[in-house]
Amino acid sequence: AKAPAAKAATPAAKMPAAKVATPAAKGTPAAKGTPAAKAPSTLDATGTPWSAKDDAALKKAAEKHPDGTPSRWQAIAKDVGGGKDKDACKKHLREMSKA
Protein backbone atom coordinates (compact mmCIF):
# COMPACT_ATOMS: atom_id res chain seq x y z
CA ALA A 1 0.00 0.00 0.00
CA LYS A 2 2.93 2.31 0.64
CA ALA A 3 4.37 1.98 -2.87
CA PRO A 4 1.19 3.17 -4.70
CA ALA A 5 0.96 6.14 -2.33
CA ALA A 6 4.52 7.12 -3.23
CA LYS A 7 3.70 6.86 -6.94
CA ALA A 8 0.65 9.08 -6.48
CA ALA A 9 2.75 11.67 -4.68
CA THR A 10 5.33 11.83 -7.47
CA PRO A 11 2.99 13.16 -10.22
CA ALA A 12 1.44 15.63 -7.76
CA ALA A 13 4.91 16.90 -6.89
CA LYS A 14 5.68 17.47 -10.56
CA MET A 15 2.48 19.40 -11.26
CA PRO A 16 3.21 22.38 -8.98
CA ALA A 17 6.66 22.66 -10.51
CA ALA A 18 5.06 23.02 -13.95
CA LYS A 19 2.67 25.66 -12.60
CA VAL A 20 5.58 27.58 -11.09
CA ALA A 21 7.33 27.67 -14.46
CA THR A 22 4.24 29.06 -16.22
CA PRO A 23 4.22 32.47 -14.46
CA ALA A 24 7.91 32.85 -15.20
CA ALA A 25 7.17 32.26 -18.87
CA LYS A 26 4.44 34.90 -18.72
CA GLY A 27 6.90 37.38 -17.25
CA THR A 28 9.43 36.87 -20.03
CA PRO A 29 7.56 38.72 -22.83
CA ALA A 30 7.08 41.73 -20.56
CA ALA A 31 10.85 41.88 -20.11
CA LYS A 32 11.31 42.16 -23.88
CA GLY A 33 9.62 45.55 -23.88
CA THR A 34 11.88 47.06 -21.24
CA PRO A 35 14.71 49.36 -22.31
CA ALA A 36 17.25 47.13 -20.56
CA ALA A 37 16.31 44.24 -22.84
CA LYS A 38 16.89 46.39 -25.92
CA ALA A 39 20.13 48.02 -24.74
CA PRO A 40 22.68 45.29 -25.56
CA SER A 41 22.74 45.79 -29.32
CA THR A 42 26.39 44.80 -29.68
CA LEU A 43 28.59 42.12 -28.21
CA ASP A 44 31.99 42.43 -26.59
CA ALA A 45 35.09 40.52 -27.70
CA THR A 46 33.91 37.44 -25.80
CA GLY A 47 30.45 37.49 -27.38
CA THR A 48 28.78 38.79 -24.21
CA PRO A 49 26.03 41.40 -24.66
CA TRP A 50 26.40 44.85 -23.10
CA SER A 51 24.46 45.36 -19.87
CA ALA A 52 23.01 48.63 -18.60
CA LYS A 53 25.91 48.73 -16.12
CA ASP A 54 28.39 48.33 -18.99
CA ASP A 55 26.64 51.11 -20.92
CA ALA A 56 26.93 53.45 -17.93
CA ALA A 57 30.61 52.57 -17.47
CA LEU A 58 31.25 53.23 -21.17
CA LYS A 59 29.56 56.64 -21.05
CA LYS A 60 31.51 57.60 -17.93
CA ALA A 61 34.82 56.42 -19.42
CA ALA A 62 34.16 58.28 -22.69
CA GLU A 63 33.59 61.50 -20.73
CA LYS A 64 36.72 60.88 -18.67
CA HIS A 65 38.83 60.30 -21.82
CA PRO A 66 37.70 62.88 -24.44
CA ASP A 67 38.77 63.02 -28.09
CA GLY A 68 42.47 63.73 -28.36
CA THR A 69 43.40 61.67 -25.30
CA PRO A 70 46.44 59.48 -26.13
CA SER A 71 45.39 55.83 -26.46
CA ARG A 72 41.82 56.94 -25.74
CA TRP A 73 40.06 53.69 -26.65
CA GLN A 74 42.51 51.52 -24.75
CA ALA A 75 41.94 53.67 -21.66
CA ILE A 76 38.15 53.51 -22.14
CA ALA A 77 38.22 49.72 -22.52
CA LYS A 78 40.35 49.42 -19.39
CA ASP A 79 37.90 51.56 -17.40
CA VAL A 80 34.87 49.62 -18.70
CA GLY A 81 36.48 46.23 -17.99
CA GLY A 82 34.49 43.01 -18.20
CA GLY A 83 36.22 41.74 -21.33
CA LYS A 84 35.34 44.77 -23.44
CA ASP A 85 38.13 45.59 -25.87
CA LYS A 86 38.79 48.96 -27.51
CA ASP A 87 37.07 48.03 -30.78
CA ALA A 88 33.94 46.80 -28.99
CA CYS A 89 33.82 49.99 -26.90
CA LYS A 90 34.21 52.19 -29.96
CA LYS A 91 31.50 50.34 -31.86
CA HIS A 92 29.07 50.25 -28.95
CA LEU A 93 29.48 53.95 -28.11
CA ARG A 94 28.82 54.79 -31.77
CA GLU A 95 25.65 52.66 -31.73
CA MET A 96 24.52 54.19 -28.42
CA SER A 97 24.93 57.66 -29.94
CA LYS A 98 22.64 56.71 -32.87
CA ALA A 99 19.81 55.66 -30.56
PDB file of N, CA and C in Angstrom:
ATOM      1  N   ALA A   1       0.834  -1.193   0.000  1.00  0.00           N
ATOM      2  CA  ALA A   1       0.000   0.000   0.000  1.00  0.00           C
ATOM      3  C   ALA A   1       0.871   1.246   0.000  1.00  0.00           C
ATOM      4  N   LYS A   2       2.059   1.145   0.576  1.00  0.00           N
ATOM      5  CA  LYS A   2       2.931   2.312   0.636  1.00  0.00           C
ATOM      6  C   LYS A   2       3.492   2.680  -0.737  1.00  0.00           C
ATOM      7  N   ALA A   3       3.799   1.696  -1.556  1.00  0.00           N
ATOM      8  CA  ALA A   3       4.370   1.985  -2.867  1.00  0.00           C
ATOM      9  C   ALA A   3       3.398   2.753  -3.757  1.00  0.00           C
ATOM     10  N   PRO A   4       2.095   2.370  -3.868  1.00  0.00           N
ATOM     11  CA  PRO A   4       1.192   3.168  -4.699  1.00  0.00           C
ATOM     12  C   PRO A   4       1.035   4.597  -4.181  1.00  0.00           C
ATOM     13  N   ALA A   5       1.070   4.791  -2.869  1.00  0.00           N
ATOM     14  CA  ALA A   5       0.956   6.138  -2.326  1.00  0.00           C
ATOM     15  C   ALA A   5       2.151   6.985  -2.755  1.00  0.00           C
ATOM     16  N   ALA A   6       3.332   6.399  -2.800  1.00  0.00           N
ATOM     17  CA  ALA A   6       4.518   7.124  -3.232  1.00  0.00           C
ATOM     18  C   ALA A   6       4.419   7.486  -4.705  1.00  0.00           C
ATOM     19  N   LYS A   7       3.861   6.577  -5.521  1.00  0.00           N
ATOM     20  CA  LYS A   7       3.697   6.864  -6.943  1.00  0.00           C
ATOM     21  C   LYS A   7       2.697   7.993  -7.157  1.00  0.00           C
ATOM     22  N   ALA A   8       1.656   8.021  -6.354  1.00  0.00           N
ATOM     23  CA  ALA A   8       0.654   9.079  -6.484  1.00  0.00           C
ATOM     24  C   ALA A   8       1.246  10.429  -6.091  1.00  0.00           C
ATOM     25  N   ALA A   9       2.149  10.423  -5.129  1.00  0.00           N
ATOM     26  CA  ALA A   9       2.751  11.675  -4.682  1.00  0.00           C
ATOM     27  C   ALA A   9       3.718  12.236  -5.718  1.00  0.00           C
ATOM     28  N   THR A  10       4.354  11.376  -6.492  1.00  0.00           N
ATOM     29  CA  THR A  10       5.328  11.831  -7.467  1.00  0.00           C
ATOM     30  C   THR A  10       4.685  12.697  -8.555  1.00  0.00           C
ATOM     31  N   PRO A  11       3.589  12.274  -9.218  1.00  0.00           N
ATOM     32  CA  PRO A  11       2.987  13.158 -10.223  1.00  0.00           C
ATOM     33  C   PRO A  11       2.465  14.460  -9.619  1.00  0.00           C
ATOM     34  N   ALA A  12       1.935  14.411  -8.413  1.00  0.00           N
ATOM     35  CA  ALA A  12       1.442  15.626  -7.762  1.00  0.00           C
ATOM     36  C   ALA A  12       2.592  16.583  -7.491  1.00  0.00           C
ATOM     37  N   ALA A  13       3.749  16.053  -7.154  1.00  0.00           N
ATOM     38  CA  ALA A  13       4.906  16.898  -6.889  1.00  0.00           C
ATOM     39  C   ALA A  13       5.391  17.566  -8.169  1.00  0.00           C
ATOM     40  N   LYS A  14       5.234  16.903  -9.289  1.00  0.00           N
ATOM     41  CA  LYS A  14       5.681  17.469 -10.559  1.00  0.00           C
ATOM     42  C   LYS A  14       4.734  18.563 -11.046  1.00  0.00           C
ATOM     43  N   MET A  15       3.455  18.440 -10.770  1.00  0.00           N
ATOM     44  CA  MET A  15       2.480  19.398 -11.265  1.00  0.00           C
ATOM     45  C   MET A  15       2.715  20.812 -10.735  1.00  0.00           C
ATOM     46  N   PRO A  16       2.940  21.011  -9.435  1.00  0.00           N
ATOM     47  CA  PRO A  16       3.206  22.384  -8.977  1.00  0.00           C
ATOM     48  C   PRO A  16       4.455  22.976  -9.610  1.00  0.00           C
ATOM     49  N   ALA A  17       5.447  22.146  -9.884  1.00  0.00           N
ATOM     50  CA  ALA A  17       6.659  22.661 -10.511  1.00  0.00           C
ATOM     51  C   ALA A  17       6.332  23.210 -11.892  1.00  0.00           C
ATOM     52  N   ALA A  18       5.448  22.545 -12.633  1.00  0.00           N
ATOM     53  CA  ALA A  18       5.060  23.019 -13.950  1.00  0.00           C
ATOM     54  C   ALA A  18       4.276  24.321 -13.829  1.00  0.00           C
ATOM     55  N   LYS A  19       3.436  24.436 -12.799  1.00  0.00           N
ATOM     56  CA  LYS A  19       2.674  25.660 -12.598  1.00  0.00           C
ATOM     57  C   LYS A  19       3.580  26.819 -12.209  1.00  0.00           C
ATOM     58  N   VAL A  20       4.640  26.534 -11.484  1.00  0.00           N
ATOM     59  CA  VAL A  20       5.585  27.580 -11.091  1.00  0.00           C
ATOM     60  C   VAL A  20       6.308  28.113 -12.319  1.00  0.00           C
ATOM     61  N   ALA A  21       6.623  27.247 -13.259  1.00  0.00           N
ATOM     62  CA  ALA A  21       7.332  27.666 -14.462  1.00  0.00           C
ATOM     63  C   ALA A  21       6.444  28.515 -15.361  1.00  0.00           C
ATOM     64  N   THR A  22       5.141  28.315 -15.339  1.00  0.00           N
ATOM     65  CA  THR A  22       4.239  29.056 -16.219  1.00  0.00           C
ATOM     66  C   THR A  22       4.253  30.558 -15.940  1.00  0.00           C
ATOM     67  N   PRO A  23       4.151  31.024 -14.684  1.00  0.00           N
ATOM     68  CA  PRO A  23       4.218  32.470 -14.458  1.00  0.00           C
ATOM     69  C   PRO A  23       5.549  33.078 -14.900  1.00  0.00           C
ATOM     70  N   ALA A  24       6.624  32.333 -14.751  1.00  0.00           N
ATOM     71  CA  ALA A  24       7.915  32.848 -15.204  1.00  0.00           C
ATOM     72  C   ALA A  24       7.896  33.047 -16.713  1.00  0.00           C
ATOM     73  N   ALA A  25       7.258  32.132 -17.428  1.00  0.00           N
ATOM     74  CA  ALA A  25       7.167  32.261 -18.874  1.00  0.00           C
ATOM     75  C   ALA A  25       6.316  33.468 -19.253  1.00  0.00           C
ATOM     76  N   LYS A  26       5.274  33.735 -18.457  1.00  0.00           N
ATOM     77  CA  LYS A  26       4.437  34.899 -18.724  1.00  0.00           C
ATOM     78  C   LYS A  26       5.212  36.192 -18.494  1.00  0.00           C
ATOM     79  N   GLY A  27       6.122  36.191 -17.547  1.00  0.00           N
ATOM     80  CA  GLY A  27       6.900  37.381 -17.248  1.00  0.00           C
ATOM     81  C   GLY A  27       7.956  37.680 -18.298  1.00  0.00           C
ATOM     82  N   THR A  28       8.367  36.692 -19.053  1.00  0.00           N
ATOM     83  CA  THR A  28       9.426  36.871 -20.031  1.00  0.00           C
ATOM     84  C   THR A  28       9.055  37.848 -21.140  1.00  0.00           C
ATOM     85  N   PRO A  29       7.877  37.759 -21.779  1.00  0.00           N
ATOM     86  CA  PRO A  29       7.561  38.724 -22.831  1.00  0.00           C
ATOM     87  C   PRO A  29       7.523  40.164 -22.327  1.00  0.00           C
ATOM     88  N   ALA A  30       7.107  40.379 -21.105  1.00  0.00           N
ATOM     89  CA  ALA A  30       7.083  41.733 -20.564  1.00  0.00           C
ATOM     90  C   ALA A  30       8.503  42.291 -20.488  1.00  0.00           C
ATOM     91  N   ALA A  31       9.464  41.432 -20.198  1.00  0.00           N
ATOM     92  CA  ALA A  31      10.848  41.882 -20.106  1.00  0.00           C
ATOM     93  C   ALA A  31      11.377  42.334 -21.462  1.00  0.00           C
ATOM     94  N   LYS A  32      10.847  41.786 -22.542  1.00  0.00           N
ATOM     95  CA  LYS A  32      11.314  42.164 -23.877  1.00  0.00           C
ATOM     96  C   LYS A  32      11.034  43.631 -24.174  1.00  0.00           C
ATOM     97  N   GLY A  33       9.975  44.175 -23.610  1.00  0.00           N
ATOM     98  CA  GLY A  33       9.615  45.547 -23.884  1.00  0.00           C
ATOM     99  C   GLY A  33      10.376  46.567 -23.058  1.00  0.00           C
ATOM    100  N   THR A  34      11.160  46.127 -22.085  1.00  0.00           N
ATOM    101  CA  THR A  34      11.879  47.056 -21.236  1.00  0.00           C
ATOM    102  C   THR A  34      13.111  47.585 -21.954  1.00  0.00           C
ATOM    103  N   PRO A  35      13.517  48.813 -21.662  1.00  0.00           N
ATOM    104  CA  PRO A  35      14.714  49.358 -22.309  1.00  0.00           C
ATOM    105  C   PRO A  35      15.961  48.539 -22.037  1.00  0.00           C
ATOM    106  N   ALA A  36      16.066  47.924 -20.864  1.00  0.00           N
ATOM    107  CA  ALA A  36      17.252  47.127 -20.557  1.00  0.00           C
ATOM    108  C   ALA A  36      17.389  45.935 -21.496  1.00  0.00           C
ATOM    109  N   ALA A  37      16.255  45.376 -21.941  1.00  0.00           N
ATOM    110  CA  ALA A  37      16.313  44.235 -22.842  1.00  0.00           C
ATOM    111  C   ALA A  37      16.768  44.665 -24.229  1.00  0.00           C
ATOM    112  N   LYS A  38      16.499  45.900 -24.611  1.00  0.00           N
ATOM    113  CA  LYS A  38      16.888  46.394 -25.924  1.00  0.00           C
ATOM    114  C   LYS A  38      18.333  46.892 -25.947  1.00  0.00           C
ATOM    115  N   ALA A  39      18.845  47.341 -24.803  1.00  0.00           N
ATOM    116  CA  ALA A  39      20.131  48.020 -24.736  1.00  0.00           C
ATOM    117  C   ALA A  39      21.297  47.246 -25.343  1.00  0.00           C
ATOM    118  N   PRO A  40      21.488  45.953 -25.027  1.00  0.00           N
ATOM    119  CA  PRO A  40      22.681  45.289 -25.562  1.00  0.00           C
ATOM    120  C   PRO A  40      22.552  44.976 -27.041  1.00  0.00           C
ATOM    121  N   SER A  41      22.853  45.972 -27.879  1.00  0.00           N
ATOM    122  CA  SER A  41      22.744  45.785 -29.318  1.00  0.00           C
ATOM    123  C   SER A  41      24.023  45.216 -29.913  1.00  0.00           C
ATOM    124  N   THR A  42      25.120  45.327 -29.188  1.00  0.00           N
ATOM    125  CA  THR A  42      26.391  44.800 -29.677  1.00  0.00           C
ATOM    126  C   THR A  42      26.955  43.825 -28.657  1.00  0.00           C
ATOM    127  N   LEU A  43      27.936  43.090 -29.082  1.00  0.00           N
ATOM    128  CA  LEU A  43      28.592  42.116 -28.210  1.00  0.00           C
ATOM    129  C   LEU A  43      30.028  42.547 -27.979  1.00  0.00           C
ATOM    130  N   ASP A  44      30.584  42.135 -26.840  1.00  0.00           N
ATOM    131  CA  ASP A  44      31.987  42.432 -26.590  1.00  0.00           C
ATOM    132  C   ASP A  44      32.858  41.382 -27.286  1.00  0.00           C
ATOM    133  N   ALA A  45      34.141  41.435 -27.042  1.00  0.00           N
ATOM    134  CA  ALA A  45      35.085  40.523 -27.696  1.00  0.00           C
ATOM    135  C   ALA A  45      34.828  39.062 -27.357  1.00  0.00           C
ATOM    136  N   THR A  46      34.192  38.815 -26.201  1.00  0.00           N
ATOM    137  CA  THR A  46      33.913  37.437 -25.795  1.00  0.00           C
ATOM    138  C   THR A  46      32.532  36.975 -26.245  1.00  0.00           C
ATOM    139  N   GLY A  47      31.783  37.854 -26.923  1.00  0.00           N
ATOM    140  CA  GLY A  47      30.446  37.495 -27.379  1.00  0.00           C
ATOM    141  C   GLY A  47      29.362  37.768 -26.342  1.00  0.00           C
ATOM    142  N   THR A  48      29.717  38.472 -25.270  1.00  0.00           N
ATOM    143  CA  THR A  48      28.776  38.790 -24.209  1.00  0.00           C
ATOM    144  C   THR A  48      28.062  40.100 -24.539  1.00  0.00           C
ATOM    145  N   PRO A  49      26.743  40.149 -24.389  1.00  0.00           N
ATOM    146  CA  PRO A  49      26.030  41.404 -24.660  1.00  0.00           C
ATOM    147  C   PRO A  49      26.351  42.476 -23.618  1.00  0.00           C
ATOM    148  N   TRP A  50      26.160  43.722 -23.996  1.00  0.00           N
ATOM    149  CA  TRP A  50      26.397  44.849 -23.097  1.00  0.00           C
ATOM    150  C   TRP A  50      25.218  44.985 -22.147  1.00  0.00           C
ATOM    151  N   SER A  51      25.500  45.143 -20.866  1.00  0.00           N
ATOM    152  CA  SER A  51      24.456  45.359 -19.870  1.00  0.00           C
ATOM    153  C   SER A  51      24.266  46.864 -19.662  1.00  0.00           C
ATOM    154  N   ALA A  52      23.230  47.218 -18.931  1.00  0.00           N
ATOM    155  CA  ALA A  52      23.007  48.632 -18.600  1.00  0.00           C
ATOM    156  C   ALA A  52      24.181  49.169 -17.780  1.00  0.00           C
ATOM    157  N   LYS A  53      24.744  48.327 -16.926  1.00  0.00           N
ATOM    158  CA  LYS A  53      25.907  48.732 -16.121  1.00  0.00           C
ATOM    159  C   LYS A  53      27.110  48.991 -17.031  1.00  0.00           C
ATOM    160  N   ASP A  54      27.303  48.130 -18.036  1.00  0.00           N
ATOM    161  CA  ASP A  54      28.394  48.326 -18.994  1.00  0.00           C
ATOM    162  C   ASP A  54      28.195  49.622 -19.770  1.00  0.00           C
ATOM    163  N   ASP A  55      26.952  49.885 -20.177  1.00  0.00           N
ATOM    164  CA  ASP A  55      26.640  51.111 -20.915  1.00  0.00           C
ATOM    165  C   ASP A  55      27.009  52.339 -20.088  1.00  0.00           C
ATOM    166  N   ALA A  56      26.631  52.319 -18.814  1.00  0.00           N
ATOM    167  CA  ALA A  56      26.928  53.445 -17.931  1.00  0.00           C
ATOM    168  C   ALA A  56      28.439  53.620 -17.766  1.00  0.00           C
ATOM    169  N   ALA A  57      29.149  52.510 -17.617  1.00  0.00           N
ATOM    170  CA  ALA A  57      30.611  52.571 -17.468  1.00  0.00           C
ATOM    171  C   ALA A  57      31.254  53.119 -18.734  1.00  0.00           C
ATOM    172  N   LEU A  58      30.717  52.750 -19.896  1.00  0.00           N
ATOM    173  CA  LEU A  58      31.249  53.231 -21.171  1.00  0.00           C
ATOM    174  C   LEU A  58      31.028  54.736 -21.306  1.00  0.00           C
ATOM    175  N   LYS A  59      29.841  55.200 -20.975  1.00  0.00           N
ATOM    176  CA  LYS A  59      29.564  56.642 -21.054  1.00  0.00           C
ATOM    177  C   LYS A  59      30.486  57.427 -20.126  1.00  0.00           C
ATOM    178  N   LYS A  60      30.654  56.930 -18.915  1.00  0.00           N
ATOM    179  CA  LYS A  60      31.512  57.601 -17.934  1.00  0.00           C
ATOM    180  C   LYS A  60      32.967  57.626 -18.416  1.00  0.00           C
ATOM    181  N   ALA A  61      33.438  56.498 -18.941  1.00  0.00           N
ATOM    182  CA  ALA A  61      34.820  56.420 -19.419  1.00  0.00           C
ATOM    183  C   ALA A  61      35.038  57.322 -20.629  1.00  0.00           C
ATOM    184  N   ALA A  62      34.042  57.422 -21.508  1.00  0.00           N
ATOM    185  CA  ALA A  62      34.164  58.278 -22.692  1.00  0.00           C
ATOM    186  C   ALA A  62      34.244  59.748 -22.283  1.00  0.00           C
ATOM    187  N   GLU A  63      33.515  60.121 -21.230  1.00  0.00           N
ATOM    188  CA  GLU A  63      33.591  61.498 -20.734  1.00  0.00           C
ATOM    189  C   GLU A  63      34.936  61.759 -20.062  1.00  0.00           C
ATOM    190  N   LYS A  64      35.444  60.759 -19.379  1.00  0.00           N
ATOM    191  CA  LYS A  64      36.724  60.877 -18.673  1.00  0.00           C
ATOM    192  C   LYS A  64      37.892  60.990 -19.651  1.00  0.00           C
ATOM    193  N   HIS A  65      37.768  60.319 -20.803  1.00  0.00           N
ATOM    194  CA  HIS A  65      38.831  60.298 -21.818  1.00  0.00           C
ATOM    195  C   HIS A  65      38.280  60.903 -23.119  1.00  0.00           C
ATOM    196  N   PRO A  66      38.275  62.242 -23.253  1.00  0.00           N
ATOM    197  CA  PRO A  66      37.705  62.883 -24.444  1.00  0.00           C
ATOM    198  C   PRO A  66      38.562  62.678 -25.692  1.00  0.00           C
ATOM    199  N   ASP A  67      38.006  63.068 -26.837  1.00  0.00           N
ATOM    200  CA  ASP A  67      38.765  63.017 -28.090  1.00  0.00           C
ATOM    201  C   ASP A  67      40.103  63.714 -27.892  1.00  0.00           C
ATOM    202  N   GLY A  68      41.139  63.158 -28.484  1.00  0.00           N
ATOM    203  CA  GLY A  68      42.469  63.734 -28.362  1.00  0.00           C
ATOM    204  C   GLY A  68      43.293  63.121 -27.246  1.00  0.00           C
ATOM    205  N   THR A  69      42.668  62.340 -26.374  1.00  0.00           N
ATOM    206  CA  THR A  69      43.399  61.666 -25.297  1.00  0.00           C
ATOM    207  C   THR A  69      44.280  60.580 -25.919  1.00  0.00           C
ATOM    208  N   PRO A  70      45.583  60.551 -25.586  1.00  0.00           N
ATOM    209  CA  PRO A  70      46.438  59.482 -26.125  1.00  0.00           C
ATOM    210  C   PRO A  70      45.910  58.102 -25.727  1.00  0.00           C
ATOM    211  N   SER A  71      45.884  57.211 -26.683  1.00  0.00           N
ATOM    212  CA  SER A  71      45.394  55.835 -26.463  1.00  0.00           C
ATOM    213  C   SER A  71      44.006  55.847 -25.822  1.00  0.00           C
ATOM    214  N   ARG A  72      43.150  56.733 -26.321  1.00  0.00           N
ATOM    215  CA  ARG A  72      41.820  56.937 -25.741  1.00  0.00           C
ATOM    216  C   ARG A  72      41.032  55.641 -25.600  1.00  0.00           C
ATOM    217  N   TRP A  73      40.926  54.881 -26.673  1.00  0.00           N
ATOM    218  CA  TRP A  73      40.055  53.694 -26.650  1.00  0.00           C
ATOM    219  C   TRP A  73      40.614  52.586 -25.779  1.00  0.00           C
ATOM    220  N   GLN A  74      41.927  52.497 -25.683  1.00  0.00           N
ATOM    221  CA  GLN A  74      42.512  51.523 -24.752  1.00  0.00           C
ATOM    222  C   GLN A  74      42.179  51.903 -23.314  1.00  0.00           C
ATOM    223  N   ALA A  75      42.253  53.200 -23.009  1.00  0.00           N
ATOM    224  CA  ALA A  75      41.941  53.673 -21.660  1.00  0.00           C
ATOM    225  C   ALA A  75      40.459  53.457 -21.342  1.00  0.00           C
ATOM    226  N   ILE A  76      39.596  53.718 -22.323  1.00  0.00           N
ATOM    227  CA  ILE A  76      38.153  53.514 -22.135  1.00  0.00           C
ATOM    228  C   ILE A  76      37.867  52.042 -21.869  1.00  0.00           C
ATOM    229  N   ALA A  77      38.442  51.161 -22.690  1.00  0.00           N
ATOM    230  CA  ALA A  77      38.216  49.720 -22.519  1.00  0.00           C
ATOM    231  C   ALA A  77      38.704  49.252 -21.153  1.00  0.00           C
ATOM    232  N   LYS A  78      39.821  49.790 -20.711  1.00  0.00           N
ATOM    233  CA  LYS A  78      40.352  49.416 -19.391  1.00  0.00           C
ATOM    234  C   LYS A  78      39.391  49.850 -18.288  1.00  0.00           C
ATOM    235  N   ASP A  79      38.850  51.061 -18.408  1.00  0.00           N
ATOM    236  CA  ASP A  79      37.903  51.558 -17.403  1.00  0.00           C
ATOM    237  C   ASP A  79      36.600  50.763 -17.405  1.00  0.00           C
ATOM    238  N   VAL A  80      36.125  50.381 -18.592  1.00  0.00           N
ATOM    239  CA  VAL A  80      34.871  49.621 -18.701  1.00  0.00           C
ATOM    240  C   VAL A  80      35.063  48.223 -18.137  1.00  0.00           C
ATOM    241  N   GLY A  81      36.175  47.576 -18.487  1.00  0.00           N
ATOM    242  CA  GLY A  81      36.479  46.232 -17.986  1.00  0.00           C
ATOM    243  C   GLY A  81      35.512  45.181 -18.521  1.00  0.00           C
ATOM    244  N   GLY A  82      35.433  44.069 -17.841  1.00  0.00           N
ATOM    245  CA  GLY A  82      34.490  43.008 -18.198  1.00  0.00           C
ATOM    246  C   GLY A  82      34.721  42.359 -19.552  1.00  0.00           C
ATOM    247  N   GLY A  83      35.935  42.385 -20.057  1.00  0.00           N
ATOM    248  CA  GLY A  83      36.220  41.737 -21.332  1.00  0.00           C
ATOM    249  C   GLY A  83      35.924  42.605 -22.549  1.00  0.00           C
ATOM    250  N   LYS A  84      35.619  43.865 -22.326  1.00  0.00           N
ATOM    251  CA  LYS A  84      35.335  44.774 -23.442  1.00  0.00           C
ATOM    252  C   LYS A  84      36.658  45.295 -23.991  1.00  0.00           C
ATOM    253  N   ASP A  85      36.909  45.075 -25.278  1.00  0.00           N
ATOM    254  CA  ASP A  85      38.135  45.585 -25.871  1.00  0.00           C
ATOM    255  C   ASP A  85      37.873  46.948 -26.510  1.00  0.00           C
ATOM    256  N   LYS A  86      38.934  47.594 -26.993  1.00  0.00           N
ATOM    257  CA  LYS A  86      38.794  48.956 -27.508  1.00  0.00           C
ATOM    258  C   LYS A  86      37.873  49.020 -28.723  1.00  0.00           C
ATOM    259  N   ASP A  87      37.930  48.021 -29.597  1.00  0.00           N
ATOM    260  CA  ASP A  87      37.066  48.028 -30.781  1.00  0.00           C
ATOM    261  C   ASP A  87      35.596  47.863 -30.406  1.00  0.00           C
ATOM    262  N   ALA A  88      35.318  46.998 -29.432  1.00  0.00           N
ATOM    263  CA  ALA A  88      33.942  46.796 -28.986  1.00  0.00           C
ATOM    264  C   ALA A  88      33.407  48.068 -28.327  1.00  0.00           C
ATOM    265  N   CYS A  89      34.243  48.741 -27.547  1.00  0.00           N
ATOM    266  CA  CYS A  89      33.824  49.991 -26.901  1.00  0.00           C
ATOM    267  C   CYS A  89      33.524  51.066 -27.941  1.00  0.00           C
ATOM    268  N   LYS A  90      34.391  51.183 -28.906  1.00  0.00           N
ATOM    269  CA  LYS A  90      34.215  52.193 -29.958  1.00  0.00           C
ATOM    270  C   LYS A  90      32.917  51.941 -30.731  1.00  0.00           C
ATOM    271  N   LYS A  91      32.703  50.705 -31.107  1.00  0.00           N
ATOM    272  CA  LYS A  91      31.501  50.337 -31.865  1.00  0.00           C
ATOM    273  C   LYS A  91      30.241  50.561 -31.031  1.00  0.00           C
ATOM    274  N   HIS A  92      30.264  50.144 -29.781  1.00  0.00           N
ATOM    275  CA  HIS A  92      29.072  50.251 -28.953  1.00  0.00           C
ATOM    276  C   HIS A  92      28.745  51.713 -28.633  1.00  0.00           C
ATOM    277  N   LEU A  93      29.736  52.532 -28.381  1.00  0.00           N
ATOM    278  CA  LEU A  93      29.482  53.950 -28.110  1.00  0.00           C
ATOM    279  C   LEU A  93      28.884  54.617 -29.349  1.00  0.00           C
ATOM    280  N   ARG A  94      29.375  54.253 -30.523  1.00  0.00           N
ATOM    281  CA  ARG A  94      28.818  54.788 -31.772  1.00  0.00           C
ATOM    282  C   ARG A  94      27.347  54.393 -31.912  1.00  0.00           C
ATOM    283  N   GLU A  95      27.023  53.125 -31.619  1.00  0.00           N
ATOM    284  CA  GLU A  95      25.646  52.661 -31.725  1.00  0.00           C
ATOM    285  C   GLU A  95      24.748  53.305 -30.665  1.00  0.00           C
ATOM    286  N   MET A  96      25.303  53.532 -29.470  1.00  0.00           N
ATOM    287  CA  MET A  96      24.517  54.189 -28.420  1.00  0.00           C
ATOM    288  C   MET A  96      24.203  55.637 -28.823  1.00  0.00           C
ATOM    289  N   SER A  97      25.129  56.274 -29.523  1.00  0.00           N
ATOM    290  CA  SER A  97      24.933  57.659 -29.944  1.00  0.00           C
ATOM    291  C   SER A  97      23.844  57.774 -31.016  1.00  0.00           C
ATOM    292  N   LYS A  98      23.676  56.738 -31.824  1.00  0.00           N
ATOM    293  CA  LYS A  98      22.640  56.714 -32.868  1.00  0.00           C
ATOM    294  C   LYS A  98      21.244  56.625 -32.276  1.00  0.00           C
ATOM    295  N   ALA A  99      21.123  55.917 -31.155  1.00  0.00           N
ATOM    296  CA  ALA A  99      19.806  55.657 -30.562  1.00  0.00           C
ATOM    297  C   ALA A  99      19.199  56.853 -29.883  1.00  0.00           C
TER     298      ALA A  99
END
